[in-house]
């Protein structure tokens, strides 16, 4: 299945069947999920996507939820969190992990060549130390590393920028297309600002940057997406920049930014925007809480989640970029919501 080719009716028919199947699966295989559904008196055979039962994403910080035997748990993902914060725990079996990886490849296909590119990762290699338990940062790096080769980690363990290594890498692959990946706020603080502070001139050449997370801290510094893109292109020579929206609770089902600056729901996932008070579905153009749907989570009941993020669906099947599906923007987190982004929470544990 191509990620952005299904029309509204085709996609809803496909997703509704898959999500109803997942609801039934988790009802049978996750006792806690079944009890919550029954106590909430929610219908389990939805007639439309808006009726798929959903729970707040915070639930994964409060409970251990999985729908496979414990001996089949292959990997545990955790959301990032500062000291004292609870973290989400996502339990994956091999089948779900494999499906997430395959889907991520499909979602990224319209932007990246099938050939792996030389890759710079704006993070530290040490974040991948524990291969059975990954943070959201580690999971993101591991997923996107599949698109690259000759991986170079641009940050040392103390979060200082490896300038010499970076210069050597860019010199070695000058004239070739390069893939860049990192978390938004970390790129801004530990890469961009450090390069400017040291007065270094770098040209990333024919490069494409994929980044996500950390917009709250950038907004606190009065940096919006337009400014972020403009400065990285002007000062670092990065040719192409794409943001993505995603979360550890639905790894693989990312919402990728098109060339027009909108986030798109691929064929395997969708979003619904709900009123912040009544939780009723809103019309396109109205701002509310984002609910995310994904057909991937089988080892844990994460196929329908209400996030703490505020967004607006701008349209469906008619974006000028040519991609079908809903396209939307994210305004930020609801007031007083616990900060839990991949890179939002890094600063609390970083060396100053």
C-alpha atoms as a PDB file:
ATOM      1  CA  UNK A   1       0.000   0.000   0.000  1.00  0.00           C
ATOM      2  CA  UNK A   2       1.313   3.461  -0.908  1.00  0.00           C
ATOM      3  CA  UNK A   3       1.306   5.881   2.044  1.00  0.00           C
ATOM      4  CA  UNK A   4      -0.526   8.849   0.495  1.00  0.00           C
ATOM      5  CA  UNK A   5      -2.648   7.493  -2.352  1.00  0.00           C
ATOM      6  CA  UNK A   6      -5.886   6.286  -0.731  1.00  0.00           C
ATOM      7  CA  UNK A   7      -8.886   8.607  -1.061  1.00  0.00           C
ATOM      8  CA  UNK A   8     -11.087   9.419   1.952  1.00  0.00           C
ATOM      9  CA  UNK A   9     -13.606   6.611   1.409  1.00  0.00           C
ATOM     10  CA  UNK A  10     -10.968   3.984   0.559  1.00  0.00           C
ATOM     11  CA  UNK A  11      -8.894   4.871   3.595  1.00  0.00           C
ATOM     12  CA  UNK A  12     -11.805   4.971   6.051  1.00  0.00           C
ATOM     13  CA  UNK A  13     -13.059   1.561   4.880  1.00  0.00           C
ATOM     14  CA  UNK A  14      -9.608   0.034   5.288  1.00  0.00           C
ATOM     15  CA  UNK A  15      -8.780   1.672   8.631  1.00  0.00           C
ATOM     16  CA  UNK A  16     -12.186   1.046  10.192  1.00  0.00           C
ATOM     17  CA  UNK A  17     -11.889  -2.686   9.580  1.00  0.00           C
ATOM     18  CA  UNK A  18      -8.324  -2.863  10.923  1.00  0.00           C
ATOM     19  CA  UNK A  19      -9.062  -0.745  14.005  1.00  0.00           C
ATOM     20  CA  UNK A  20     -12.183  -2.752  14.871  1.00  0.00           C
ATOM     21  CA  UNK A  21     -10.079  -5.905  14.602  1.00  0.00           C
ATOM     22  CA  UNK A  22      -7.505  -4.396  16.970  1.00  0.00           C
ATOM     23  CA  UNK A  23     -10.166  -3.367  19.466  1.00  0.00           C
ATOM     24  CA  UNK A  24     -11.472  -6.954  19.498  1.00  0.00           C
ATOM     25  CA  UNK A  25      -7.921  -8.332  19.809  1.00  0.00           C
ATOM     26  CA  UNK A  26      -7.067  -6.147  22.800  1.00  0.00           C
ATOM     27  CA  UNK A  27     -10.421  -6.870  24.437  1.00  0.00           C
ATOM     28  CA  UNK A  28      -9.522 -10.549  24.313  1.00  0.00           C
ATOM     29  CA  UNK A  29      -5.828 -10.326  25.186  1.00  0.00           C
ATOM     30  CA  UNK A  30      -5.533  -7.360  27.591  1.00  0.00           C
ATOM     31  CA  UNK A  31      -7.646  -7.708  30.739  1.00  0.00           C
ATOM     32  CA  UNK A  32      -7.136  -4.106  31.873  1.00  0.00           C
ATOM     33  CA  UNK A  33      -8.186  -2.765  28.462  1.00  0.00           C
ATOM     34  CA  UNK A  34     -11.288  -4.977  28.440  1.00  0.00           C
ATOM     35  CA  UNK A  35     -12.319  -3.764  31.902  1.00  0.00           C
ATOM     36  CA  UNK A  36     -11.883  -0.111  30.939  1.00  0.00           C
ATOM     37  CA  UNK A  37     -13.966  -0.568  27.801  1.00  0.00           C
ATOM     38  CA  UNK A  38     -16.734  -2.341  29.706  1.00  0.00           C
ATOM     39  CA  UNK A  39     -16.799   0.106  32.630  1.00  0.00           C
ATOM     40  CA  UNK A  40     -16.886   3.036  30.207  1.00  0.00           C
ATOM     41  CA  UNK A  41     -19.695   1.304  28.287  1.00  0.00           C
ATOM     42  CA  UNK A  42     -17.976   1.998  24.978  1.00  0.00           C
ATOM     43  CA  UNK A  43     -19.062   0.263  21.787  1.00  0.00           C
ATOM     44  CA  UNK A  44     -16.483  -2.128  20.387  1.00  0.00           C
ATOM     45  CA  UNK A  45     -17.791  -2.422  16.820  1.00  0.00           C
ATOM     46  CA  UNK A  46     -17.507   1.112  15.489  1.00  0.00           C
ATOM     47  CA  UNK A  47     -19.453   2.213  12.406  1.00  0.00           C
ATOM     48  CA  UNK A  48     -17.119   5.153  11.741  1.00  0.00           C
ATOM     49  CA  UNK A  49     -13.610   6.173  12.785  1.00  0.00           C
ATOM     50  CA  UNK A  50     -14.918   8.757  15.274  1.00  0.00           C
ATOM     51  CA  UNK A  51     -16.558   5.919  17.243  1.00  0.00           C
ATOM     52  CA  UNK A  52     -13.405   3.852  17.778  1.00  0.00           C
ATOM     53  CA  UNK A  53     -12.892   3.680  21.569  1.00  0.00           C
ATOM     54  CA  UNK A  54     -10.006   5.856  22.734  1.00  0.00           C
ATOM     55  CA  UNK A  55      -8.124   6.469  25.955  1.00  0.00           C
ATOM     56  CA  UNK A  56      -5.771   9.268  27.049  1.00  0.00           C
ATOM     57  CA  UNK A  57      -2.133   8.735  26.149  1.00  0.00           C
ATOM     58  CA  UNK A  58      -1.272   9.350  29.828  1.00  0.00           C
ATOM     59  CA  UNK A  59      -2.640   5.892  30.584  1.00  0.00           C
ATOM     60  CA  UNK A  60       0.690   4.320  29.567  1.00  0.00           C
ATOM     61  CA  UNK A  61       2.388   6.246  32.377  1.00  0.00           C
ATOM     62  CA  UNK A  62       0.007   4.834  34.956  1.00  0.00           C
ATOM     63  CA  UNK A  63      -0.382   1.215  33.864  1.00  0.00           C
ATOM     64  CA  UNK A  64       1.533  -1.629  32.230  1.00  0.00           C
ATOM     65  CA  UNK A  65      -0.590  -2.495  29.216  1.00  0.00           C
ATOM     66  CA  UNK A  66       0.235  -5.308  26.827  1.00  0.00           C
ATOM     67  CA  UNK A  67      -1.722  -7.821  24.754  1.00  0.00           C
ATOM     68  CA  UNK A  68       0.874 -10.552  24.325  1.00  0.00           C
ATOM     69  CA  UNK A  69       2.380 -13.007  26.830  1.00  0.00           C
ATOM     70  CA  UNK A  70       5.234 -11.447  28.780  1.00  0.00           C
ATOM     71  CA  UNK A  71       7.697 -13.980  27.387  1.00  0.00           C
ATOM     72  CA  UNK A  72       6.948 -12.621  23.886  1.00  0.00           C
ATOM     73  CA  UNK A  73       7.878  -9.044  24.813  1.00  0.00           C
ATOM     74  CA  UNK A  74      10.833  -8.261  22.571  1.00  0.00           C
ATOM     75  CA  UNK A  75      11.525  -4.668  23.506  1.00  0.00           C
ATOM     76  CA  UNK A  76      10.245  -1.978  25.892  1.00  0.00           C
ATOM     77  CA  UNK A  77      10.091   1.638  24.735  1.00  0.00           C
ATOM     78  CA  UNK A  78       9.857   4.510  27.210  1.00  0.00           C
ATOM     79  CA  UNK A  79       8.913   8.136  26.717  1.00  0.00           C
ATOM     80  CA  UNK A  80      11.504  10.713  27.674  1.00  0.00           C
ATOM     81  CA  UNK A  81      11.099  12.281  31.094  1.00  0.00           C
ATOM     82  CA  UNK A  82      12.982  14.424  33.552  1.00  0.00           C
ATOM     83  CA  UNK A  83      13.756  13.168  37.035  1.00  0.00           C
ATOM     84  CA  UNK A  84      10.572  12.578  38.971  1.00  0.00           C
ATOM     85  CA  UNK A  85       8.325  12.323  35.927  1.00  0.00           C
ATOM     86  CA  UNK A  86       6.526   9.117  35.126  1.00  0.00           C
ATOM     87  CA  UNK A  87       7.315   7.680  31.714  1.00  0.00           C
ATOM     88  CA  UNK A  88       5.176   5.723  29.295  1.00  0.00           C
ATOM     89  CA  UNK A  89       6.138   2.087  28.819  1.00  0.00           C
ATOM     90  CA  UNK A  90       5.318   0.491  25.472  1.00  0.00           C
ATOM     91  CA  UNK A  91       5.674  -3.284  25.148  1.00  0.00           C
ATOM     92  CA  UNK A  92       6.587  -4.645  21.718  1.00  0.00           C
ATOM     93  CA  UNK A  93       6.693  -8.178  20.405  1.00  0.00           C
ATOM     94  CA  UNK A  94       8.750  -9.021  17.310  1.00  0.00           C
ATOM     95  CA  UNK A  95       5.731  -8.899  14.997  1.00  0.00           C
ATOM     96  CA  UNK A  96       4.729  -5.372  16.060  1.00  0.00           C
ATOM     97  CA  UNK A  97       8.316  -4.102  16.013  1.00  0.00           C
ATOM     98  CA  UNK A  98       8.854  -5.471  12.512  1.00  0.00           C
ATOM     99  CA  UNK A  99       5.606  -3.929  11.263  1.00  0.00           C
ATOM    100  CA  UNK A 100       6.546  -0.538  12.741  1.00  0.00           C
ATOM    101  CA  UNK A 101       9.898  -0.588  10.961  1.00  0.00           C
ATOM    102  CA  UNK A 102       8.341  -1.588   7.626  1.00  0.00           C
ATOM    103  CA  UNK A 103       5.658   1.091   7.890  1.00  0.00           C
ATOM    104  CA  UNK A 104       8.174   3.817   8.714  1.00  0.00           C
ATOM    105  CA  UNK A 105      10.081   2.891   5.549  1.00  0.00           C
ATOM    106  CA  UNK A 106       6.866   3.136   3.505  1.00  0.00           C
ATOM    107  CA  UNK A 107       5.902   6.505   5.024  1.00  0.00           C
ATOM    108  CA  UNK A 108       9.330   7.998   4.259  1.00  0.00           C
ATOM    109  CA  UNK A 109       9.557   6.593   0.716  1.00  0.00           C
ATOM    110  CA  UNK A 110       8.174   9.724  -1.028  1.00  0.00           C
ATOM    111  CA  UNK A 111      11.022  11.808   0.436  1.00  0.00           C
ATOM    112  CA  UNK A 112      14.001   9.464   0.525  1.00  0.00           C
ATOM    113  CA  UNK A 113      15.582   7.340  -2.177  1.00  0.00           C
ATOM    114  CA  UNK A 114      15.537   3.585  -1.762  1.00  0.00           C
ATOM    115  CA  UNK A 115      19.330   3.802  -1.676  1.00  0.00           C
ATOM    116  CA  UNK A 116      20.710   4.448   1.800  1.00  0.00           C
ATOM    117  CA  UNK A 117      22.370   7.842   2.177  1.00  0.00           C
ATOM    118  CA  UNK A 118      25.431   8.887   4.217  1.00  0.00           C
ATOM    119  CA  UNK A 119      23.832   9.967   7.487  1.00  0.00           C
ATOM    120  CA  UNK A 120      24.534  12.464  10.250  1.00  0.00           C
ATOM    121  CA  UNK A 121      22.615  11.925  13.489  1.00  0.00           C
ATOM    122  CA  UNK A 122      22.465  14.993  15.718  1.00  0.00           C
ATOM    123  CA  UNK A 123      22.648  13.029  18.961  1.00  0.00           C
ATOM    124  CA  UNK A 124      24.993  10.852  20.999  1.00  0.00           C
ATOM    125  CA  UNK A 125      25.645   7.204  20.260  1.00  0.00           C
ATOM    126  CA  UNK A 126      25.336   6.345  23.952  1.00  0.00           C
ATOM    127  CA  UNK A 127      21.543   6.764  23.794  1.00  0.00           C
ATOM    128  CA  UNK A 128      21.448   3.336  22.078  1.00  0.00           C
ATOM    129  CA  UNK A 129      23.353   1.419  24.760  1.00  0.00           C
ATOM    130  CA  UNK A 130      20.480  -0.724  26.054  1.00  0.00           C
ATOM    131  CA  UNK A 131      19.113  -2.676  23.086  1.00  0.00           C
ATOM    132  CA  UNK A 132      16.138  -4.130  24.987  1.00  0.00           C
ATOM    133  CA  UNK A 133      14.867  -0.878  26.496  1.00  0.00           C
ATOM    134  CA  UNK A 134      14.844   2.309  24.452  1.00  0.00           C
ATOM    135  CA  UNK A 135      13.846   5.843  25.274  1.00  0.00           C
ATOM    136  CA  UNK A 136      11.787   7.786  22.747  1.00  0.00           C
ATOM    137  CA  UNK A 137      15.023   9.347  21.503  1.00  0.00           C
ATOM    138  CA  UNK A 138      16.674   5.984  21.062  1.00  0.00           C
ATOM    139  CA  UNK A 139      13.644   4.510  19.308  1.00  0.00           C
ATOM    140  CA  UNK A 140      13.523   7.446  16.915  1.00  0.00           C
ATOM    141  CA  UNK A 141      17.222   7.203  16.101  1.00  0.00           C
ATOM    142  CA  UNK A 142      17.065   3.448  15.601  1.00  0.00           C
ATOM    143  CA  UNK A 143      14.063   3.747  13.290  1.00  0.00           C
ATOM    144  CA  UNK A 144      15.479   6.479  11.068  1.00  0.00           C
ATOM    145  CA  UNK A 145      18.978   4.988  11.031  1.00  0.00           C
ATOM    146  CA  UNK A 146      17.578   2.384   8.621  1.00  0.00           C
ATOM    147  CA  UNK A 147      17.584   5.028   5.889  1.00  0.00           C
ATOM    148  CA  UNK A 148      21.275   5.833   6.251  1.00  0.00           C
ATOM    149  CA  UNK A 149      24.769   4.371   6.093  1.00  0.00           C
ATOM    150  CA  UNK A 150      28.141   5.401   7.478  1.00  0.00           C
ATOM    151  CA  UNK A 151      26.291   6.862  10.475  1.00  0.00           C
ATOM    152  CA  UNK A 152      28.060   9.756  12.175  1.00  0.00           C
ATOM    153  CA  UNK A 153      26.886  10.867  15.629  1.00  0.00           C
ATOM    154  CA  UNK A 154      27.556  14.601  15.812  1.00  0.00           C
ATOM    155  CA  UNK A 155      27.311  14.998  19.594  1.00  0.00           C
ATOM    156  CA  UNK A 156      29.730  13.700  22.219  1.00  0.00           C
ATOM    157  CA  UNK A 157      28.412  12.114  25.412  1.00  0.00           C
ATOM    158  CA  UNK A 158      28.645  15.475  27.209  1.00  0.00           C
ATOM    159  CA  UNK A 159      26.453  17.015  24.469  1.00  0.00           C
ATOM    160  CA  UNK A 160      29.316  19.032  22.967  1.00  0.00           C
ATOM    161  CA  UNK A 161      29.430  19.216  19.181  1.00  0.00           C
ATOM    162  CA  UNK A 162      32.122  17.146  17.455  1.00  0.00           C
ATOM    163  CA  UNK A 163      33.160  19.925  15.079  1.00  0.00           C
ATOM    164  CA  UNK A 164      36.219  18.180  13.652  1.00  0.00           C
ATOM    165  CA  UNK A 165      34.337  14.942  13.043  1.00  0.00           C
ATOM    166  CA  UNK A 166      31.508  16.867  11.402  1.00  0.00           C
ATOM    167  CA  UNK A 167      33.877  18.762   9.119  1.00  0.00           C
ATOM    168  CA  UNK A 168      35.649  15.547   8.138  1.00  0.00           C
ATOM    169  CA  UNK A 169      32.335  13.787   7.353  1.00  0.00           C
ATOM    170  CA  UNK A 170      31.095  16.655   5.171  1.00  0.00           C
ATOM    171  CA  UNK A 171      34.422  16.756   3.342  1.00  0.00           C
ATOM    172  CA  UNK A 172      34.343  12.999   2.708  1.00  0.00           C
ATOM    173  CA  UNK A 173      30.849  13.102   1.210  1.00  0.00           C
ATOM    174  CA  UNK A 174      30.960  16.474  -0.520  1.00  0.00           C
ATOM    175  CA  UNK A 175      28.798  16.428  -3.669  1.00  0.00           C
ATOM    176  CA  UNK A 176      26.702  13.502  -2.397  1.00  0.00           C
ATOM    177  CA  UNK A 177      23.202  13.690  -0.958  1.00  0.00           C
ATOM    178  CA  UNK A 178      23.318  13.423   2.841  1.00  0.00           C
ATOM    179  CA  UNK A 179      20.564  12.474   5.296  1.00  0.00           C
ATOM    180  CA  UNK A 180      20.358  14.437   8.563  1.00  0.00           C
ATOM    181  CA  UNK A 181      18.234  13.394  11.534  1.00  0.00           C
ATOM    182  CA  UNK A 182      17.627  14.723  15.021  1.00  0.00           C
ATOM    183  CA  UNK A 183      15.187  16.133  17.542  1.00  0.00           C
ATOM    184  CA  UNK A 184      14.214  19.718  16.908  1.00  0.00           C
ATOM    185  CA  UNK A 185      15.243  21.458  20.121  1.00  0.00           C
ATOM    186  CA  UNK A 186      18.501  19.515  20.368  1.00  0.00           C
ATOM    187  CA  UNK A 187      19.425  20.528  16.813  1.00  0.00           C
ATOM    188  CA  UNK A 188      18.698  24.146  17.675  1.00  0.00           C
ATOM    189  CA  UNK A 189      20.570  24.241  20.994  1.00  0.00           C
ATOM    190  CA  UNK A 190      23.482  21.846  20.572  1.00  0.00           C
ATOM    191  CA  UNK A 191      24.138  22.183  16.841  1.00  0.00           C
ATOM    192  CA  UNK A 192      22.893  25.428  15.320  1.00  0.00           C
ATOM    193  CA  UNK A 193      23.552  27.737  18.279  1.00  0.00           C
ATOM    194  CA  UNK A 194      26.944  26.155  18.951  1.00  0.00           C
ATOM    195  CA  UNK A 195      28.042  26.591  15.326  1.00  0.00           C
ATOM    196  CA  UNK A 196      26.948  30.239  15.396  1.00  0.00           C
ATOM    197  CA  UNK A 197      28.596  30.808  18.796  1.00  0.00           C
ATOM    198  CA  UNK A 198      31.936  29.470  17.552  1.00  0.00           C
ATOM    199  CA  UNK A 199      31.705  31.392  14.288  1.00  0.00           C
ATOM    200  CA  UNK A 200      32.182  28.233  12.243  1.00  0.00           C
ATOM    201  CA  UNK A 201      31.230  28.068   8.579  1.00  0.00           C
ATOM    202  CA  UNK A 202      29.652  24.769   7.542  1.00  0.00           C
ATOM    203  CA  UNK A 203      27.835  23.831   4.352  1.00  0.00           C
ATOM    204  CA  UNK A 204      25.761  20.662   4.548  1.00  0.00           C
ATOM    205  CA  UNK A 205      25.374  20.730   0.788  1.00  0.00           C
ATOM    206  CA  UNK A 206      22.814  18.471  -0.878  1.00  0.00           C
ATOM    207  CA  UNK A 207      21.207  17.455   2.407  1.00  0.00           C
ATOM    208  CA  UNK A 208      17.734  16.600   3.673  1.00  0.00           C
ATOM    209  CA  UNK A 209      16.922  17.068   7.368  1.00  0.00           C
ATOM    210  CA  UNK A 210      14.199  15.024   9.097  1.00  0.00           C
ATOM    211  CA  UNK A 211      13.392  16.285  12.597  1.00  0.00           C
ATOM    212  CA  UNK A 212      10.626  16.206  15.203  1.00  0.00           C
ATOM    213  CA  UNK A 213       9.760  17.065  18.807  1.00  0.00           C
ATOM    214  CA  UNK A 214      10.818  19.918  21.039  1.00  0.00           C
ATOM    215  CA  UNK A 215       8.710  22.742  19.629  1.00  0.00           C
ATOM    216  CA  UNK A 216       7.547  23.899  23.068  1.00  0.00           C
ATOM    217  CA  UNK A 217      11.036  24.992  24.087  1.00  0.00           C
ATOM    218  CA  UNK A 218      11.614  26.641  20.726  1.00  0.00           C
ATOM    219  CA  UNK A 219       8.397  28.626  21.111  1.00  0.00           C
ATOM    220  CA  UNK A 220       9.638  29.738  24.533  1.00  0.00           C
ATOM    221  CA  UNK A 221      12.618  31.191  22.665  1.00  0.00           C
ATOM    222  CA  UNK A 222      10.347  32.786  20.036  1.00  0.00           C
ATOM    223  CA  UNK A 223      11.497  30.386  17.306  1.00  0.00           C
ATOM    224  CA  UNK A 224       8.716  29.184  15.021  1.00  0.00           C
ATOM    225  CA  UNK A 225       9.011  26.558  12.247  1.00  0.00           C
ATOM    226  CA  UNK A 226       9.473  29.192   9.553  1.00  0.00           C
ATOM    227  CA  UNK A 227      12.370  30.821  11.443  1.00  0.00           C
ATOM    228  CA  UNK A 228      13.917  27.443  12.247  1.00  0.00           C
ATOM    229  CA  UNK A 229      13.889  26.384   8.595  1.00  0.00           C
ATOM    230  CA  UNK A 230      15.090  29.720   7.296  1.00  0.00           C
ATOM    231  CA  UNK A 231      18.081  29.970   9.635  1.00  0.00           C
ATOM    232  CA  UNK A 232      19.214  26.374   9.112  1.00  0.00           C
ATOM    233  CA  UNK A 233      19.046  26.816   5.354  1.00  0.00           C
ATOM    234  CA  UNK A 234      20.786  30.203   5.358  1.00  0.00           C
ATOM    235  CA  UNK A 235      23.505  29.523   7.931  1.00  0.00           C
ATOM    236  CA  UNK A 236      24.124  25.790   7.477  1.00  0.00           C
ATOM    237  CA  UNK A 237      23.242  25.331   3.808  1.00  0.00           C
ATOM    238  CA  UNK A 238      20.710  22.567   4.467  1.00  0.00           C
ATOM    239  CA  UNK A 239      18.699  22.231   1.254  1.00  0.00           C
ATOM    240  CA  UNK A 240      15.544  20.417   2.374  1.00  0.00           C
ATOM    241  CA  UNK A 241      13.865  20.290   5.812  1.00  0.00           C
ATOM    242  CA  UNK A 242      10.882  18.184   6.913  1.00  0.00           C
ATOM    243  CA  UNK A 243       9.315  18.109  10.366  1.00  0.00           C
ATOM    244  CA  UNK A 244       7.330  15.106  11.590  1.00  0.00           C
ATOM    245  CA  UNK A 245       4.769  14.534  14.328  1.00  0.00           C
ATOM    246  CA  UNK A 246       4.869  11.291  16.265  1.00  0.00           C
ATOM    247  CA  UNK A 247       5.103   9.733  19.703  1.00  0.00           C
ATOM    248  CA  UNK A 248       6.569   6.680  21.372  1.00  0.00           C
ATOM    249  CA  UNK A 249       3.059   5.365  22.028  1.00  0.00           C
ATOM    250  CA  UNK A 250       2.590   4.892  18.277  1.00  0.00           C
ATOM    251  CA  UNK A 251       6.077   4.327  16.898  1.00  0.00           C
ATOM    252  CA  UNK A 252       6.121   3.851  13.125  1.00  0.00           C
ATOM    253  CA  UNK A 253       2.919   5.816  12.522  1.00  0.00           C
ATOM    254  CA  UNK A 254       4.515   9.198  12.011  1.00  0.00           C
ATOM    255  CA  UNK A 255       2.856  12.168  10.349  1.00  0.00           C
ATOM    256  CA  UNK A 256       5.309  13.655   7.879  1.00  0.00           C
ATOM    257  CA  UNK A 257       5.516  17.271   6.737  1.00  0.00           C
ATOM    258  CA  UNK A 258       5.026  17.830   3.014  1.00  0.00           C
ATOM    259  CA  UNK A 259       6.695  20.510   0.900  1.00  0.00           C
ATOM    260  CA  UNK A 260       3.801  22.866   1.668  1.00  0.00           C
ATOM    261  CA  UNK A 261       4.517  22.705   5.406  1.00  0.00           C
ATOM    262  CA  UNK A 262       1.545  20.534   6.441  1.00  0.00           C
ATOM    263  CA  UNK A 263       1.639  17.281   8.411  1.00  0.00           C
ATOM    264  CA  UNK A 264      -0.038  14.374   6.589  1.00  0.00           C
ATOM    265  CA  UNK A 265      -1.827  11.279   7.867  1.00  0.00           C
ATOM    266  CA  UNK A 266      -0.625   8.240   5.890  1.00  0.00           C
ATOM    267  CA  UNK A 267      -2.813   5.329   4.834  1.00  0.00           C
ATOM    268  CA  UNK A 268      -1.931   3.382   8.001  1.00  0.00           C
ATOM    269  CA  UNK A 269      -2.944   6.104  10.450  1.00  0.00           C
ATOM    270  CA  UNK A 270      -5.317   9.010  10.930  1.00  0.00           C
ATOM    271  CA  UNK A 271      -6.190  11.854  13.264  1.00  0.00           C
ATOM    272  CA  UNK A 272      -9.415  13.213  14.701  1.00  0.00           C
ATOM    273  CA  UNK A 273      -9.597  16.648  16.331  1.00  0.00           C
ATOM    274  CA  UNK A 274     -11.933  16.858  19.316  1.00  0.00           C
ATOM    275  CA  UNK A 275     -13.405  19.673  21.377  1.00  0.00           C
ATOM    276  CA  UNK A 276     -11.322  20.302  24.508  1.00  0.00           C
ATOM    277  CA  UNK A 277     -14.409  20.293  26.755  1.00  0.00           C
ATOM    278  CA  UNK A 278     -17.011  18.017  25.193  1.00  0.00           C
ATOM    279  CA  UNK A 279     -14.595  15.773  23.229  1.00  0.00           C
ATOM    280  CA  UNK A 280     -16.964  15.883  20.275  1.00  0.00           C
ATOM    281  CA  UNK A 281     -15.286  15.636  16.831  1.00  0.00           C
ATOM    282  CA  UNK A 282     -14.669  19.041  15.253  1.00  0.00           C
ATOM    283  CA  UNK A 283     -14.901  20.185  11.652  1.00  0.00           C
ATOM    284  CA  UNK A 284     -11.877  20.921   9.492  1.00  0.00           C
ATOM    285  CA  UNK A 285     -10.461  24.321  10.365  1.00  0.00           C
ATOM    286  CA  UNK A 286     -11.452  24.100  14.046  1.00  0.00           C
ATOM    287  CA  UNK A 287      -8.752  23.760  16.711  1.00  0.00           C
ATOM    288  CA  UNK A 288      -8.938  21.069  19.371  1.00  0.00           C
ATOM    289  CA  UNK A 289      -7.326  18.033  20.987  1.00  0.00           C
ATOM    290  CA  UNK A 290      -5.649  15.575  18.641  1.00  0.00           C
ATOM    291  CA  UNK A 291      -6.674  11.920  18.697  1.00  0.00           C
ATOM    292  CA  UNK A 292      -4.314   9.593  16.836  1.00  0.00           C
ATOM    293  CA  UNK A 293      -5.306   6.306  15.209  1.00  0.00           C
ATOM    294  CA  UNK A 294      -2.909   3.621  13.996  1.00  0.00           C
ATOM    295  CA  UNK A 295      -3.321   0.099  12.662  1.00  0.00           C
ATOM    296  CA  UNK A 296       0.122  -0.972  13.945  1.00  0.00           C
ATOM    297  CA  UNK A 297      -0.144  -1.533  17.734  1.00  0.00           C
ATOM    298  CA  UNK A 298      -0.988  -5.205  18.257  1.00  0.00           C
ATOM    299  CA  UNK A 299       1.221  -6.030  21.242  1.00  0.00           C
ATOM    300  CA  UNK A 300      -0.318  -3.212  23.314  1.00  0.00           C
ATOM    301  CA  UNK A 301      -3.661  -1.330  23.165  1.00  0.00           C
ATOM    302  CA  UNK A 302      -2.363   1.876  21.581  1.00  0.00           C
ATOM    303  CA  UNK A 303      -4.335   1.981  18.345  1.00  0.00           C
ATOM    304  CA  UNK A 304      -6.605   4.868  19.420  1.00  0.00           C
ATOM    305  CA  UNK A 305      -5.222   7.528  21.766  1.00  0.00           C
ATOM    306  CA  UNK A 306      -6.213  11.019  22.842  1.00  0.00           C
ATOM    307  CA  UNK A 307      -3.068  13.150  23.047  1.00  0.00           C
ATOM    308  CA  UNK A 308      -2.353  16.330  25.004  1.00  0.00           C
ATOM    309  CA  UNK A 309      -1.616  18.198  21.780  1.00  0.00           C
ATOM    310  CA  UNK A 310      -3.731  20.881  20.123  1.00  0.00           C
ATOM    311  CA  UNK A 311      -4.085  20.934  16.362  1.00  0.00           C
ATOM    312  CA  UNK A 312      -6.241  21.788  13.364  1.00  0.00           C
ATOM    313  CA  UNK A 313      -7.155  19.674  10.347  1.00  0.00           C
ATOM    314  CA  UNK A 314      -6.645  21.982   7.375  1.00  0.00           C
ATOM    315  CA  UNK A 315      -8.171  19.748   4.728  1.00  0.00           C
ATOM    316  CA  UNK A 316      -8.331  16.272   3.220  1.00  0.00           C
ATOM    317  CA  UNK A 317      -7.281  14.834  -0.153  1.00  0.00           C
ATOM    318  CA  UNK A 318      -6.702  18.304  -1.625  1.00  0.00           C
ATOM    319  CA  UNK A 319      -3.276  19.470  -0.442  1.00  0.00           C
ATOM    320  CA  UNK A 320      -1.370  21.136  -3.285  1.00  0.00           C
ATOM    321  CA  UNK A 321       1.597  18.840  -2.582  1.00  0.00           C
ATOM    322  CA  UNK A 322      -0.364  15.985  -4.198  1.00  0.00           C
ATOM    323  CA  UNK A 323      -0.473  13.699  -1.150  1.00  0.00           C
ATOM    324  CA  UNK A 324      -3.942  12.412  -0.229  1.00  0.00           C
ATOM    325  CA  UNK A 325      -5.285  12.048   3.302  1.00  0.00           C
ATOM    326  CA  UNK A 326      -5.903  14.569   6.076  1.00  0.00           C
ATOM    327  CA  UNK A 327      -3.336  17.306   6.445  1.00  0.00           C
ATOM    328  CA  UNK A 328      -3.011  19.339   9.622  1.00  0.00           C
ATOM    329  CA  UNK A 329      -1.002  21.657  11.849  1.00  0.00           C
ATOM    330  CA  UNK A 330      -0.062  21.328  15.517  1.00  0.00           C
ATOM    331  CA  UNK A 331      -0.270  24.417  17.734  1.00  0.00           C
ATOM    332  CA  UNK A 332       1.317  22.920  20.861  1.00  0.00           C
ATOM    333  CA  UNK A 333       0.431  21.252  24.134  1.00  0.00           C
ATOM    334  CA  UNK A 334      -2.693  21.991  26.169  1.00  0.00           C
ATOM    335  CA  UNK A 335      -1.950  24.426  29.036  1.00  0.00           C
ATOM    336  CA  UNK A 336      -0.437  22.824  32.154  1.00  0.00           C
ATOM    337  CA  UNK A 337      -0.034  19.482  30.369  1.00  0.00           C
ATOM    338  CA  UNK A 338       2.964  17.502  31.505  1.00  0.00           C
ATOM    339  CA  UNK A 339       5.878  18.047  29.164  1.00  0.00           C
ATOM    340  CA  UNK A 340       6.818  14.713  27.615  1.00  0.00           C
ATOM    341  CA  UNK A 341       8.362  15.307  24.195  1.00  0.00           C
ATOM    342  CA  UNK A 342      11.353  13.388  22.856  1.00  0.00           C
ATOM    343  CA  UNK A 343      13.640  16.367  23.260  1.00  0.00           C
ATOM    344  CA  UNK A 344      11.538  18.726  25.364  1.00  0.00           C
ATOM    345  CA  UNK A 345      12.533  16.837  28.479  1.00  0.00           C
ATOM    346  CA  UNK A 346      16.172  16.219  27.635  1.00  0.00           C
ATOM    347  CA  UNK A 347      17.389  19.496  29.086  1.00  0.00           C
ATOM    348  CA  UNK A 348      16.454  18.487  32.613  1.00  0.00           C
ATOM    349  CA  UNK A 349      19.046  15.735  32.592  1.00  0.00           C
ATOM    350  CA  UNK A 350      21.670  17.373  30.435  1.00  0.00           C
ATOM    351  CA  UNK A 351      25.000  18.630  31.609  1.00  0.00           C
ATOM    352  CA  UNK A 352      25.023  22.406  31.653  1.00  0.00           C
END
